[in-house]
Amino acid sequence: MAKNTINIDTIAAASGYSRATVSRVIRKYGYVSKEARKKICSVIEEYDYRPSSLARSMVSGKTHTIGLLLTDIRNHFYSVLAKSIENQASSMGYALIICNSDESLDKEKEYFELLMEKQVDGLIISPTIDMHMGFSNIFEKIKKRKIPCVCVDRALPPAFGIPSVLVDNYQGGYDAGKHLVNMGHKSLVVVTSKIPLPNVRDREKGFFQASKDAGIERQTGDRIELESREREIDIESQLNLFEGINRFSAVFCTANTLSFYALRILKYKGIEIPKQVSFIGFDDLYDAELISPQPTVIVQPVSDIGTKAALIILDKLIKKKSLPKKDIVFPVSMIIRNSTK
């Protein structure tokens, strides 16, 4: 039989099962007995059947794809996030189209147009800092096509009406500050991003509020800004930013990429952690337990965030549930290792 004449009806007839049962096996969603699944998979393999995604989408009006637009896929946080979203989507018969904006509004717009062309059924986005400036036209397209959309890690202004799944960034910063204050530190410095990301700024606010609540006044130079996206940082060009680091007894980094840079710079300057300065970061570092000393960190439940975001979209697509009216906010936790004393 020629391959171009093989279709789902062919597989159904050859396997002895209904078209609906064959469809559930192909989509990997819904209940199918082990016996039926085994038989149908055997027939599919025998006929070397490849379902036509175009044909399926023309009939159903769905592509069974979800667009995932992230800002920096190299960041360990986003890699774990993407994996958890993919796991959940795949288990419910959907595939991901992953795009990386690299914090560029222009690339973000291009990828949105691409995802519209691909006719994705849903969208999960981590918006760039400037998205609200160029999002209006795109949002109208999403609204017109009734494409469910949810943000992760970051939020858009409430006016857009798009829910977010994220953590309590303010509380995370507060917990970091309180931990250091409780250890007796009174001279604190924050290493943060040059890019004014709202989630990062909330971490800063929480951190300094914890020190304020303890009666500790802020000091000149207690905030260092670094470029947070370039993986190959020129250490020597950043040394002047850490010129007065010896005046402080504890450092808080507001993101994992910043922790990566700051730890390298401190090592380059010969500053011992935690002997000379205590260190705490927001988000864990990849292979953190192999770093010496192992860093104390505020951690986000990244996999839970990704799974929840995926379920919000999938429940809307499959079960016709409404999108949440409010943001879904997860608590953070702390892993205390040996970089603080």
C-alpha atoms as a PDB file:
ATOM      1  CA  MET A   1       0.000   0.000   0.000  1.00  0.00           C
ATOM      2  CA  ALA A   2       1.398   3.399  -0.971  1.00  0.00           C
ATOM      3  CA  LYS A   3       2.272   5.572   2.013  1.00  0.00           C
ATOM      4  CA  ASN A   4       0.187   8.455   0.770  1.00  0.00           C
ATOM      5  CA  THR A   5      -2.978   6.312   0.992  1.00  0.00           C
ATOM      6  CA  ILE A   6      -2.387   5.349   4.616  1.00  0.00           C
ATOM      7  CA  ASN A   7      -4.490   7.296   7.082  1.00  0.00           C
ATOM      8  CA  ILE A   8      -6.075   6.911  10.477  1.00  0.00           C
ATOM      9  CA  ASP A   9      -8.910   4.848   9.004  1.00  0.00           C
ATOM     10  CA  THR A  10      -6.355   2.427   7.583  1.00  0.00           C
ATOM     11  CA  ILE A  11      -4.819   1.937  11.031  1.00  0.00           C
ATOM     12  CA  ALA A  12      -8.248   1.559  12.628  1.00  0.00           C
ATOM     13  CA  ALA A  13      -9.296  -1.127  10.122  1.00  0.00           C
ATOM     14  CA  ALA A  14      -6.010  -3.030  10.384  1.00  0.00           C
ATOM     15  CA  SER A  15      -5.943  -2.968  14.176  1.00  0.00           C
ATOM     16  CA  GLY A  16      -9.610  -3.733  14.709  1.00  0.00           C
ATOM     17  CA  TYR A  17     -10.134  -0.697  16.936  1.00  0.00           C
ATOM     18  CA  SER A  18     -12.197   2.412  16.430  1.00  0.00           C
ATOM     19  CA  ARG A  19     -10.929   5.604  14.855  1.00  0.00           C
ATOM     20  CA  ALA A  20     -11.379   7.385  18.192  1.00  0.00           C
ATOM     21  CA  THR A  21      -9.202   4.841  20.028  1.00  0.00           C
ATOM     22  CA  VAL A  22      -6.474   5.108  17.383  1.00  0.00           C
ATOM     23  CA  SER A  23      -6.651   8.896  17.690  1.00  0.00           C
ATOM     24  CA  ARG A  24      -6.117   8.725  21.468  1.00  0.00           C
ATOM     25  CA  VAL A  25      -3.033   6.539  20.980  1.00  0.00           C
ATOM     26  CA  ILE A  26      -1.599   8.906  18.376  1.00  0.00           C
ATOM     27  CA  ARG A  27      -2.266  11.984  20.516  1.00  0.00           C
ATOM     28  CA  LYS A  28      -1.028  10.206  23.676  1.00  0.00           C
ATOM     29  CA  TYR A  29      -3.990  11.503  25.619  1.00  0.00           C
ATOM     30  CA  GLY A  30      -7.006   9.797  27.129  1.00  0.00           C
ATOM     31  CA  TYR A  31      -7.494   6.247  28.339  1.00  0.00           C
ATOM     32  CA  VAL A  32      -6.558   3.302  26.129  1.00  0.00           C
ATOM     33  CA  SER A  33      -6.085  -0.239  27.438  1.00  0.00           C
ATOM     34  CA  LYS A  34      -2.581  -1.717  27.335  1.00  0.00           C
ATOM     35  CA  GLU A  35      -3.741  -4.402  24.911  1.00  0.00           C
ATOM     36  CA  ALA A  36      -5.282  -1.881  22.523  1.00  0.00           C
ATOM     37  CA  ARG A  37      -2.315   0.476  22.728  1.00  0.00           C
ATOM     38  CA  LYS A  38       0.121  -2.367  22.007  1.00  0.00           C
ATOM     39  CA  LYS A  39      -1.868  -3.571  18.983  1.00  0.00           C
ATOM     40  CA  ILE A  40      -2.375  -0.105  17.517  1.00  0.00           C
ATOM     41  CA  CYS A  41       1.296   0.849  17.994  1.00  0.00           C
ATOM     42  CA  SER A  42       2.284  -2.391  16.279  1.00  0.00           C
ATOM     43  CA  VAL A  43       0.103  -1.608  13.271  1.00  0.00           C
ATOM     44  CA  ILE A  44       1.367   1.993  13.130  1.00  0.00           C
ATOM     45  CA  GLU A  45       4.941   0.693  13.068  1.00  0.00           C
ATOM     46  CA  GLU A  46       4.097  -1.956  10.463  1.00  0.00           C
ATOM     47  CA  TYR A  47       2.548   0.624   8.142  1.00  0.00           C
ATOM     48  CA  ASP A  48       5.162   3.280   9.034  1.00  0.00           C
ATOM     49  CA  TYR A  49       2.252   5.650   9.545  1.00  0.00           C
ATOM     50  CA  ARG A  50       2.964   9.359  10.119  1.00  0.00           C
ATOM     51  CA  PRO A  51      -0.118  11.420  11.002  1.00  0.00           C
ATOM     52  CA  SER A  52      -0.539  14.591   8.965  1.00  0.00           C
ATOM     53  CA  SER A  53      -0.513  17.490  11.403  1.00  0.00           C
ATOM     54  CA  LEU A  54      -1.873  19.745   8.661  1.00  0.00           C
ATOM     55  CA  ALA A  55      -4.816  17.450   8.003  1.00  0.00           C
ATOM     56  CA  ARG A  56      -5.572  17.124  11.708  1.00  0.00           C
ATOM     57  CA  SER A  57      -5.497  20.882  12.232  1.00  0.00           C
ATOM     58  CA  MET A  58      -7.772  21.484   9.230  1.00  0.00           C
ATOM     59  CA  VAL A  59     -10.347  19.077  10.640  1.00  0.00           C
ATOM     60  CA  SER A  60     -10.125  19.996  14.321  1.00  0.00           C
ATOM     61  CA  GLY A  61      -9.087  23.632  14.068  1.00  0.00           C
ATOM     62  CA  LYS A  62      -6.238  22.820  16.469  1.00  0.00           C
ATOM     63  CA  THR A  63      -2.533  22.235  15.951  1.00  0.00           C
ATOM     64  CA  HIS A  64      -1.940  20.727  19.407  1.00  0.00           C
ATOM     65  CA  THR A  65       1.041  23.019  19.821  1.00  0.00           C
ATOM     66  CA  ILE A  66       1.840  25.610  22.485  1.00  0.00           C
ATOM     67  CA  GLY A  67       4.220  28.499  21.928  1.00  0.00           C
ATOM     68  CA  LEU A  68       6.778  29.075  24.690  1.00  0.00           C
ATOM     69  CA  LEU A  69       8.611  32.395  24.470  1.00  0.00           C
ATOM     70  CA  LEU A  70      11.483  32.806  26.934  1.00  0.00           C
ATOM     71  CA  THR A  71      13.981  35.615  27.442  1.00  0.00           C
ATOM     72  CA  ASP A  72      17.189  33.612  27.931  1.00  0.00           C
ATOM     73  CA  ILE A  73      17.171  29.867  27.312  1.00  0.00           C
ATOM     74  CA  ARG A  74      20.805  29.646  28.507  1.00  0.00           C
ATOM     75  CA  ASN A  75      19.698  30.543  32.015  1.00  0.00           C
ATOM     76  CA  HIS A  76      19.394  27.358  34.093  1.00  0.00           C
ATOM     77  CA  PHE A  77      16.093  28.642  35.526  1.00  0.00           C
ATOM     78  CA  TYR A  78      14.500  28.807  32.087  1.00  0.00           C
ATOM     79  CA  SER A  79      15.928  25.454  31.008  1.00  0.00           C
ATOM     80  CA  VAL A  80      14.287  23.743  33.982  1.00  0.00           C
ATOM     81  CA  LEU A  81      11.109  25.762  33.409  1.00  0.00           C
ATOM     82  CA  ALA A  82      10.923  24.724  29.743  1.00  0.00           C
ATOM     83  CA  LYS A  83      11.484  21.072  30.643  1.00  0.00           C
ATOM     84  CA  SER A  84       8.636  21.042  33.169  1.00  0.00           C
ATOM     85  CA  ILE A  85       6.274  22.744  30.696  1.00  0.00           C
ATOM     86  CA  GLU A  86       7.242  20.284  27.972  1.00  0.00           C
ATOM     87  CA  ASN A  87       6.719  17.299  30.269  1.00  0.00           C
ATOM     88  CA  GLN A  88       3.205  18.417  31.178  1.00  0.00           C
ATOM     89  CA  ALA A  89       2.250  19.386  27.633  1.00  0.00           C
ATOM     90  CA  SER A  90       3.555  16.128  26.179  1.00  0.00           C
ATOM     91  CA  SER A  91       1.650  14.051  28.729  1.00  0.00           C
ATOM     92  CA  MET A  92      -1.561  15.687  27.513  1.00  0.00           C
ATOM     93  CA  GLY A  93      -0.901  15.367  23.786  1.00  0.00           C
ATOM     94  CA  TYR A  94       0.626  18.764  23.041  1.00  0.00           C
ATOM     95  CA  ALA A  95       4.027  19.786  21.668  1.00  0.00           C
ATOM     96  CA  LEU A  96       6.024  22.946  22.355  1.00  0.00           C
ATOM     97  CA  ILE A  97       7.497  25.465  19.971  1.00  0.00           C
ATOM     98  CA  ILE A  98      10.238  27.153  22.017  1.00  0.00           C
ATOM     99  CA  CYS A  99      11.500  30.629  21.107  1.00  0.00           C
ATOM    100  CA  ASN A 100      14.213  32.724  22.774  1.00  0.00           C
ATOM    101  CA  SER A 101      13.850  36.523  22.666  1.00  0.00           C
ATOM    102  CA  ASP A 102      17.237  37.195  24.290  1.00  0.00           C
ATOM    103  CA  GLU A 103      15.616  40.180  26.075  1.00  0.00           C
ATOM    104  CA  SER A 104      15.082  41.839  22.676  1.00  0.00           C
ATOM    105  CA  LEU A 105      11.713  43.458  21.975  1.00  0.00           C
ATOM    106  CA  ASP A 106      12.334  43.165  18.213  1.00  0.00           C
ATOM    107  CA  LYS A 107      12.999  39.424  18.434  1.00  0.00           C
ATOM    108  CA  GLU A 108      10.014  39.068  20.714  1.00  0.00           C
ATOM    109  CA  LYS A 109       7.748  40.659  18.092  1.00  0.00           C
ATOM    110  CA  GLU A 110       9.214  38.466  15.339  1.00  0.00           C
ATOM    111  CA  TYR A 111       8.623  35.316  17.345  1.00  0.00           C
ATOM    112  CA  PHE A 112       5.067  36.322  18.178  1.00  0.00           C
ATOM    113  CA  GLU A 113       4.361  36.721  14.467  1.00  0.00           C
ATOM    114  CA  LEU A 114       5.964  33.335  13.825  1.00  0.00           C
ATOM    115  CA  LEU A 115       3.863  31.656  16.516  1.00  0.00           C
ATOM    116  CA  MET A 116       0.738  33.246  15.062  1.00  0.00           C
ATOM    117  CA  GLU A 117       1.690  31.857  11.636  1.00  0.00           C
ATOM    118  CA  LYS A 118       2.197  28.427  13.195  1.00  0.00           C
ATOM    119  CA  GLN A 119      -1.325  28.765  14.631  1.00  0.00           C
ATOM    120  CA  VAL A 120      -0.349  27.653  18.116  1.00  0.00           C
ATOM    121  CA  ASP A 121      -3.285  26.818  20.356  1.00  0.00           C
ATOM    122  CA  GLY A 122      -1.853  28.564  23.415  1.00  0.00           C
ATOM    123  CA  LEU A 123       0.978  30.822  24.568  1.00  0.00           C
ATOM    124  CA  ILE A 124       3.262  30.817  27.601  1.00  0.00           C
ATOM    125  CA  ILE A 125       5.563  33.823  27.779  1.00  0.00           C
ATOM    126  CA  SER A 126       8.266  35.330  29.920  1.00  0.00           C
ATOM    127  CA  PRO A 127       7.968  38.945  28.752  1.00  0.00           C
ATOM    128  CA  THR A 128      10.888  41.249  28.085  1.00  0.00           C
ATOM    129  CA  ILE A 129      11.126  44.437  30.120  1.00  0.00           C
ATOM    130  CA  ASP A 130       9.827  46.427  27.120  1.00  0.00           C
ATOM    131  CA  MET A 131       7.052  44.070  26.039  1.00  0.00           C
ATOM    132  CA  HIS A 132       4.257  46.356  27.234  1.00  0.00           C
ATOM    133  CA  MET A 133       5.581  48.993  24.807  1.00  0.00           C
ATOM    134  CA  GLY A 134       5.086  46.821  21.738  1.00  0.00           C
ATOM    135  CA  PHE A 135       2.555  44.313  22.933  1.00  0.00           C
ATOM    136  CA  SER A 136      -0.717  46.138  22.188  1.00  0.00           C
ATOM    137  CA  ASN A 137      -1.059  45.097  18.530  1.00  0.00           C
ATOM    138  CA  ILE A 138       0.020  41.538  19.268  1.00  0.00           C
ATOM    139  CA  PHE A 139      -2.364  41.351  22.193  1.00  0.00           C
ATOM    140  CA  GLU A 140      -5.237  42.340  19.913  1.00  0.00           C
ATOM    141  CA  LYS A 141      -4.328  39.471  17.574  1.00  0.00           C
ATOM    142  CA  ILE A 142      -4.207  37.025  20.479  1.00  0.00           C
ATOM    143  CA  LYS A 143      -7.547  38.318  21.751  1.00  0.00           C
ATOM    144  CA  LYS A 144      -9.141  38.143  18.303  1.00  0.00           C
ATOM    145  CA  ARG A 145      -8.017  34.552  17.793  1.00  0.00           C
ATOM    146  CA  LYS A 146      -9.004  33.646  21.359  1.00  0.00           C
ATOM    147  CA  ILE A 147      -5.580  32.168  22.104  1.00  0.00           C
ATOM    148  CA  PRO A 148      -5.160  31.503  25.834  1.00  0.00           C
ATOM    149  CA  CYS A 149      -2.008  33.123  27.202  1.00  0.00           C
ATOM    150  CA  VAL A 150      -0.181  33.076  30.531  1.00  0.00           C
ATOM    151  CA  CYS A 151       3.059  34.702  31.733  1.00  0.00           C
ATOM    152  CA  VAL A 152       5.753  32.959  33.749  1.00  0.00           C
ATOM    153  CA  ASP A 153       8.390  34.456  36.069  1.00  0.00           C
ATOM    154  CA  ARG A 154       7.402  38.002  35.112  1.00  0.00           C
ATOM    155  CA  ALA A 155       4.107  39.842  34.806  1.00  0.00           C
ATOM    156  CA  LEU A 156       2.577  42.272  32.354  1.00  0.00           C
ATOM    157  CA  PRO A 157       0.656  45.356  33.538  1.00  0.00           C
ATOM    158  CA  PRO A 158      -2.838  44.435  34.868  1.00  0.00           C
ATOM    159  CA  ALA A 159      -4.487  46.254  31.952  1.00  0.00           C
ATOM    160  CA  PHE A 160      -3.544  43.415  29.618  1.00  0.00           C
ATOM    161  CA  GLY A 161      -5.550  40.938  31.669  1.00  0.00           C
ATOM    162  CA  ILE A 162      -3.010  38.129  31.285  1.00  0.00           C
ATOM    163  CA  PRO A 163      -2.407  36.023  34.404  1.00  0.00           C
ATOM    164  CA  SER A 164       1.093  35.202  35.595  1.00  0.00           C
ATOM    165  CA  VAL A 165       2.646  32.276  37.432  1.00  0.00           C
ATOM    166  CA  LEU A 166       5.543  33.464  39.549  1.00  0.00           C
ATOM    167  CA  VAL A 167       6.940  33.615  43.079  1.00  0.00           C
ATOM    168  CA  ASP A 168       6.764  36.151  45.877  1.00  0.00           C
ATOM    169  CA  ASN A 169       9.954  37.947  44.866  1.00  0.00           C
ATOM    170  CA  TYR A 170       9.626  40.578  47.573  1.00  0.00           C
ATOM    171  CA  GLN A 171       9.402  37.931  50.286  1.00  0.00           C
ATOM    172  CA  GLY A 172      12.384  36.117  48.810  1.00  0.00           C
ATOM    173  CA  GLY A 173      14.504  39.244  49.073  1.00  0.00           C
ATOM    174  CA  TYR A 174      13.192  39.894  52.570  1.00  0.00           C
ATOM    175  CA  ASP A 175      14.079  36.358  53.675  1.00  0.00           C
ATOM    176  CA  ALA A 176      17.616  36.779  52.335  1.00  0.00           C
ATOM    177  CA  GLY A 177      18.071  40.052  54.217  1.00  0.00           C
ATOM    178  CA  LYS A 178      16.579  38.683  57.415  1.00  0.00           C
ATOM    179  CA  HIS A 179      18.864  35.643  57.292  1.00  0.00           C
ATOM    180  CA  LEU A 180      21.953  37.852  57.068  1.00  0.00           C
ATOM    181  CA  VAL A 181      20.693  40.268  59.717  1.00  0.00           C
ATOM    182  CA  ASN A 182      19.987  37.377  62.089  1.00  0.00           C
ATOM    183  CA  MET A 183      23.579  36.254  61.627  1.00  0.00           C
ATOM    184  CA  GLY A 184      24.752  39.639  62.859  1.00  0.00           C
ATOM    185  CA  HIS A 185      25.534  41.388  59.571  1.00  0.00           C
ATOM    186  CA  LYS A 186      24.989  45.148  59.503  1.00  0.00           C
ATOM    187  CA  SER A 187      26.791  46.216  56.328  1.00  0.00           C
ATOM    188  CA  LEU A 188      24.922  44.735  53.380  1.00  0.00           C
ATOM    189  CA  VAL A 189      25.370  45.137  49.629  1.00  0.00           C
ATOM    190  CA  VAL A 190      23.134  44.052  46.743  1.00  0.00           C
ATOM    191  CA  VAL A 191      24.455  42.936  43.360  1.00  0.00           C
ATOM    192  CA  THR A 192      21.647  43.473  40.872  1.00  0.00           C
ATOM    193  CA  SER A 193      20.861  43.836  37.169  1.00  0.00           C
ATOM    194  CA  LYS A 194      21.257  46.942  35.018  1.00  0.00           C
ATOM    195  CA  ILE A 195      18.004  45.933  33.351  1.00  0.00           C
ATOM    196  CA  PRO A 196      15.149  47.255  35.553  1.00  0.00           C
ATOM    197  CA  LEU A 197      13.214  43.996  35.737  1.00  0.00           C
ATOM    198  CA  PRO A 198      10.231  44.292  38.117  1.00  0.00           C
ATOM    199  CA  ASN A 199      10.794  40.873  39.707  1.00  0.00           C
ATOM    200  CA  VAL A 200      14.444  41.688  40.430  1.00  0.00           C
ATOM    201  CA  ARG A 201      13.556  45.113  41.806  1.00  0.00           C
ATOM    202  CA  ASP A 202      11.026  43.475  44.147  1.00  0.00           C
ATOM    203  CA  ARG A 203      13.796  41.255  45.505  1.00  0.00           C
ATOM    204  CA  GLU A 204      15.920  44.330  46.188  1.00  0.00           C
ATOM    205  CA  LYS A 205      13.052  46.089  47.943  1.00  0.00           C
ATOM    206  CA  GLY A 206      12.392  43.104  50.173  1.00  0.00           C
ATOM    207  CA  PHE A 207      16.077  42.764  51.035  1.00  0.00           C
ATOM    208  CA  PHE A 208      16.538  46.384  52.080  1.00  0.00           C
ATOM    209  CA  GLN A 209      13.227  46.362  53.953  1.00  0.00           C
ATOM    210  CA  ALA A 210      14.508  43.487  56.087  1.00  0.00           C
ATOM    211  CA  SER A 211      17.592  45.490  57.032  1.00  0.00           C
ATOM    212  CA  LYS A 212      15.462  48.586  57.670  1.00  0.00           C
ATOM    213  CA  ASP A 213      13.158  46.606  59.966  1.00  0.00           C
ATOM    214  CA  ALA A 214      16.262  45.594  61.907  1.00  0.00           C
ATOM    215  CA  GLY A 215      17.254  49.233  62.321  1.00  0.00           C
ATOM    216  CA  ILE A 216      20.139  49.050  59.851  1.00  0.00           C
ATOM    217  CA  GLU A 217      20.656  52.122  57.688  1.00  0.00           C
ATOM    218  CA  ARG A 218      21.657  51.867  54.054  1.00  0.00           C
ATOM    219  CA  GLN A 219      25.214  52.838  53.101  1.00  0.00           C
ATOM    220  CA  THR A 220      26.781  54.586  50.144  1.00  0.00           C
ATOM    221  CA  GLY A 221      27.641  52.088  47.421  1.00  0.00           C
ATOM    222  CA  ASP A 222      25.386  49.361  48.798  1.00  0.00           C
ATOM    223  CA  ARG A 223      23.997  48.602  45.329  1.00  0.00           C
ATOM    224  CA  ILE A 224      26.135  47.262  42.469  1.00  0.00           C
ATOM    225  CA  GLU A 225      24.691  46.917  38.962  1.00  0.00           C
ATOM    226  CA  LEU A 226      26.009  44.276  36.569  1.00  0.00           C
ATOM    227  CA  GLU A 227      25.068  43.235  33.056  1.00  0.00           C
ATOM    228  CA  SER A 228      23.017  40.119  33.715  1.00  0.00           C
ATOM    229  CA  ARG A 229      22.750  38.458  30.294  1.00  0.00           C
ATOM    230  CA  GLU A 230      26.245  38.115  28.903  1.00  0.00           C
ATOM    231  CA  ARG A 231      27.735  34.750  29.821  1.00  0.00           C
ATOM    232  CA  GLU A 232      31.298  35.776  28.985  1.00  0.00           C
ATOM    233  CA  ILE A 233      31.836  38.665  31.351  1.00  0.00           C
ATOM    234  CA  ASP A 234      35.091  40.614  31.233  1.00  0.00           C
ATOM    235  CA  ILE A 235      36.133  40.271  34.882  1.00  0.00           C
ATOM    236  CA  GLU A 236      38.761  43.010  34.807  1.00  0.00           C
ATOM    237  CA  SER A 237      36.304  45.558  33.401  1.00  0.00           C
ATOM    238  CA  GLN A 238      33.992  44.953  36.373  1.00  0.00           C
ATOM    239  CA  LEU A 239      36.570  45.175  39.156  1.00  0.00           C
ATOM    240  CA  ASN A 240      36.030  48.891  39.721  1.00  0.00           C
ATOM    241  CA  LEU A 241      32.390  48.194  40.600  1.00  0.00           C
ATOM    242  CA  PHE A 242      33.585  46.054  43.505  1.00  0.00           C
ATOM    243  CA  GLU A 243      36.204  48.555  44.655  1.00  0.00           C
ATOM    244  CA  GLY A 244      34.564  49.143  48.013  1.00  0.00           C
ATOM    245  CA  ILE A 245      33.359  45.600  48.619  1.00  0.00           C
ATOM    246  CA  ASN A 246      35.617  45.263  51.690  1.00  0.00           C
ATOM    247  CA  ARG A 247      33.366  47.746  53.524  1.00  0.00           C
ATOM    248  CA  PHE A 248      30.547  45.197  53.491  1.00  0.00           C
ATOM    249  CA  SER A 249      30.231  41.952  55.408  1.00  0.00           C
ATOM    250  CA  ALA A 250      27.534  40.310  53.275  1.00  0.00           C
ATOM    251  CA  VAL A 251      26.486  40.197  49.605  1.00  0.00           C
ATOM    252  CA  PHE A 252      23.054  39.412  48.141  1.00  0.00           C
ATOM    253  CA  CYS A 253      22.743  38.664  44.399  1.00  0.00           C
ATOM    254  CA  THR A 254      19.272  39.109  42.936  1.00  0.00           C
ATOM    255  CA  ALA A 255      19.573  36.460  40.168  1.00  0.00           C
ATOM    256  CA  ASN A 256      21.546  33.313  39.443  1.00  0.00           C
ATOM    257  CA  THR A 257      23.471  34.816  36.513  1.00  0.00           C
ATOM    258  CA  LEU A 258      24.550  37.666  38.789  1.00  0.00           C
ATOM    259  CA  SER A 259      25.668  35.155  41.417  1.00  0.00           C
ATOM    260  CA  PHE A 260      27.775  33.465  38.767  1.00  0.00           C
ATOM    261  CA  TYR A 261      29.516  36.741  37.938  1.00  0.00           C
ATOM    262  CA  ALA A 262      29.851  37.979  41.512  1.00  0.00           C
ATOM    263  CA  LEU A 263      31.421  34.751  42.769  1.00  0.00           C
ATOM    264  CA  ARG A 264      33.993  34.880  39.975  1.00  0.00           C
ATOM    265  CA  ILE A 265      34.824  38.526  40.684  1.00  0.00           C
ATOM    266  CA  LEU A 266      35.162  37.954  44.433  1.00  0.00           C
ATOM    267  CA  LYS A 267      37.456  35.000  43.779  1.00  0.00           C
ATOM    268  CA  TYR A 268      39.508  37.073  41.336  1.00  0.00           C
ATOM    269  CA  LYS A 269      39.923  39.763  43.995  1.00  0.00           C
ATOM    270  CA  GLY A 270      41.043  37.169  46.520  1.00  0.00           C
ATOM    271  CA  ILE A 271      38.070  37.714  48.834  1.00  0.00           C
ATOM    272  CA  GLU A 272      37.272  34.554  50.799  1.00  0.00           C
ATOM    273  CA  ILE A 273      33.682  33.408  51.303  1.00  0.00           C
ATOM    274  CA  PRO A 274      32.427  33.300  54.040  1.00  0.00           C
ATOM    275  CA  LYS A 275      35.584  34.227  55.963  1.00  0.00           C
ATOM    276  CA  GLN A 276      35.677  37.803  54.667  1.00  0.00           C
ATOM    277  CA  VAL A 277      32.193  38.203  53.254  1.00  0.00           C
ATOM    278  CA  SER A 278      29.011  36.131  53.480  1.00  0.00           C
ATOM    279  CA  PHE A 279      27.166  35.382  50.263  1.00  0.00           C
ATOM    280  CA  ILE A 280      23.546  34.586  49.401  1.00  0.00           C
ATOM    281  CA  GLY A 281      21.923  34.422  45.980  1.00  0.00           C
ATOM    282  CA  PHE A 282      18.429  34.312  44.479  1.00  0.00           C
ATOM    283  CA  ASP A 283      17.904  31.101  42.463  1.00  0.00           C
ATOM    284  CA  ASP A 284      20.131  28.108  42.751  1.00  0.00           C
ATOM    285  CA  LEU A 285      23.191  27.665  40.564  1.00  0.00           C
ATOM    286  CA  TYR A 286      23.686  24.727  38.239  1.00  0.00           C
ATOM    287  CA  ASP A 287      25.739  22.077  40.073  1.00  0.00           C
ATOM    288  CA  ALA A 288      25.785  24.338  43.141  1.00  0.00           C
ATOM    289  CA  GLU A 289      26.976  21.503  45.345  1.00  0.00           C
ATOM    290  CA  LEU A 290      30.187  21.311  43.308  1.00  0.00           C
ATOM    291  CA  ILE A 291      31.001  24.971  43.994  1.00  0.00           C
ATOM    292  CA  SER A 292      33.272  25.768  46.913  1.00  0.00           C
ATOM    293  CA  PRO A 293      31.985  27.096  49.177  1.00  0.00           C
ATOM    294  CA  GLN A 294      28.502  25.851  48.395  1.00  0.00           C
ATOM    295  CA  PRO A 295      26.246  28.934  48.091  1.00  0.00           C
ATOM    296  CA  THR A 296      23.278  29.673  50.317  1.00  0.00           C
ATOM    297  CA  VAL A 297      20.355  30.520  48.035  1.00  0.00           C
ATOM    298  CA  ILE A 298      16.717  31.534  47.860  1.00  0.00           C
ATOM    299  CA  VAL A 299      15.058  28.992  45.562  1.00  0.00           C
ATOM    300  CA  GLN A 300      11.966  29.090  43.419  1.00  0.00           C
ATOM    301  CA  PRO A 301       9.857  25.952  42.803  1.00  0.00           C
ATOM    302  CA  VAL A 302      10.717  26.167  39.103  1.00  0.00           C
ATOM    303  CA  SER A 303       9.201  22.859  38.034  1.00  0.00           C
ATOM    304  CA  ASP A 304       5.972  23.666  39.890  1.00  0.00           C
ATOM    305  CA  ILE A 305       5.800  27.047  38.155  1.00  0.00           C
ATOM    306  CA  GLY A 306       6.228  25.449  34.729  1.00  0.00           C
ATOM    307  CA  THR A 307       3.753  22.662  35.403  1.00  0.00           C
ATOM    308  CA  LYS A 308       1.130  25.103  36.685  1.00  0.00           C
ATOM    309  CA  ALA A 309       1.540  27.420  33.691  1.00  0.00           C
ATOM    310  CA  ALA A 310       1.148  24.485  31.315  1.00  0.00           C
ATOM    311  CA  LEU A 311      -1.932  23.211  33.165  1.00  0.00           C
ATOM    312  CA  ILE A 312      -3.594  26.634  33.015  1.00  0.00           C
ATOM    313  CA  ILE A 313      -3.285  26.617  29.213  1.00  0.00           C
ATOM    314  CA  LEU A 314      -4.123  22.923  28.784  1.00  0.00           C
ATOM    315  CA  ASP A 315      -7.146  23.079  31.086  1.00  0.00           C
ATOM    316  CA  LYS A 316      -8.435  25.969  29.005  1.00  0.00           C
ATOM    317  CA  LEU A 317      -7.838  24.120  25.713  1.00  0.00           C
ATOM    318  CA  ILE A 318      -9.051  20.676  26.779  1.00  0.00           C
ATOM    319  CA  LYS A 319     -11.469  21.207  29.650  1.00  0.00           C
ATOM    320  CA  LYS A 320     -12.644  24.693  28.627  1.00  0.00           C
ATOM    321  CA  LYS A 321     -11.797  26.070  32.084  1.00  0.00           C
ATOM    322  CA  SER A 322     -11.517  29.829  32.482  1.00  0.00           C
ATOM    323  CA  LEU A 323      -8.109  31.437  32.883  1.00  0.00           C
ATOM    324  CA  PRO A 324      -7.407  32.607  36.444  1.00  0.00           C
ATOM    325  CA  LYS A 325      -8.354  36.194  37.188  1.00  0.00           C
ATOM    326  CA  LYS A 326      -5.399  36.680  39.527  1.00  0.00           C
ATOM    327  CA  ASP A 327      -1.718  35.782  39.397  1.00  0.00           C
ATOM    328  CA  ILE A 328      -0.652  32.437  40.811  1.00  0.00           C
ATOM    329  CA  VAL A 329       2.050  33.210  43.391  1.00  0.00           C
ATOM    330  CA  PHE A 330       4.261  30.445  44.784  1.00  0.00           C
ATOM    331  CA  PRO A 331       6.284  30.823  47.995  1.00  0.00           C
ATOM    332  CA  VAL A 332      10.076  30.665  47.917  1.00  0.00           C
ATOM    333  CA  SER A 333      12.337  28.652  50.225  1.00  0.00           C
ATOM    334  CA  MET A 334      15.935  28.882  51.371  1.00  0.00           C
ATOM    335  CA  ILE A 335      18.756  26.376  51.072  1.00  0.00           C
ATOM    336  CA  ILE A 336      21.342  27.198  53.739  1.00  0.00           C
ATOM    337  CA  ARG A 337      24.780  25.970  52.776  1.00  0.00           C
ATOM    338  CA  ASN A 338      28.199  27.200  53.835  1.00  0.00           C
ATOM    339  CA  SER A 339      28.608  30.596  52.106  1.00  0.00           C
ATOM    340  CA  THR A 340      27.082  32.488  55.046  1.00  0.00           C
ATOM    341  CA  LYS A 341      28.147  32.732  58.665  1.00  0.00           C
END
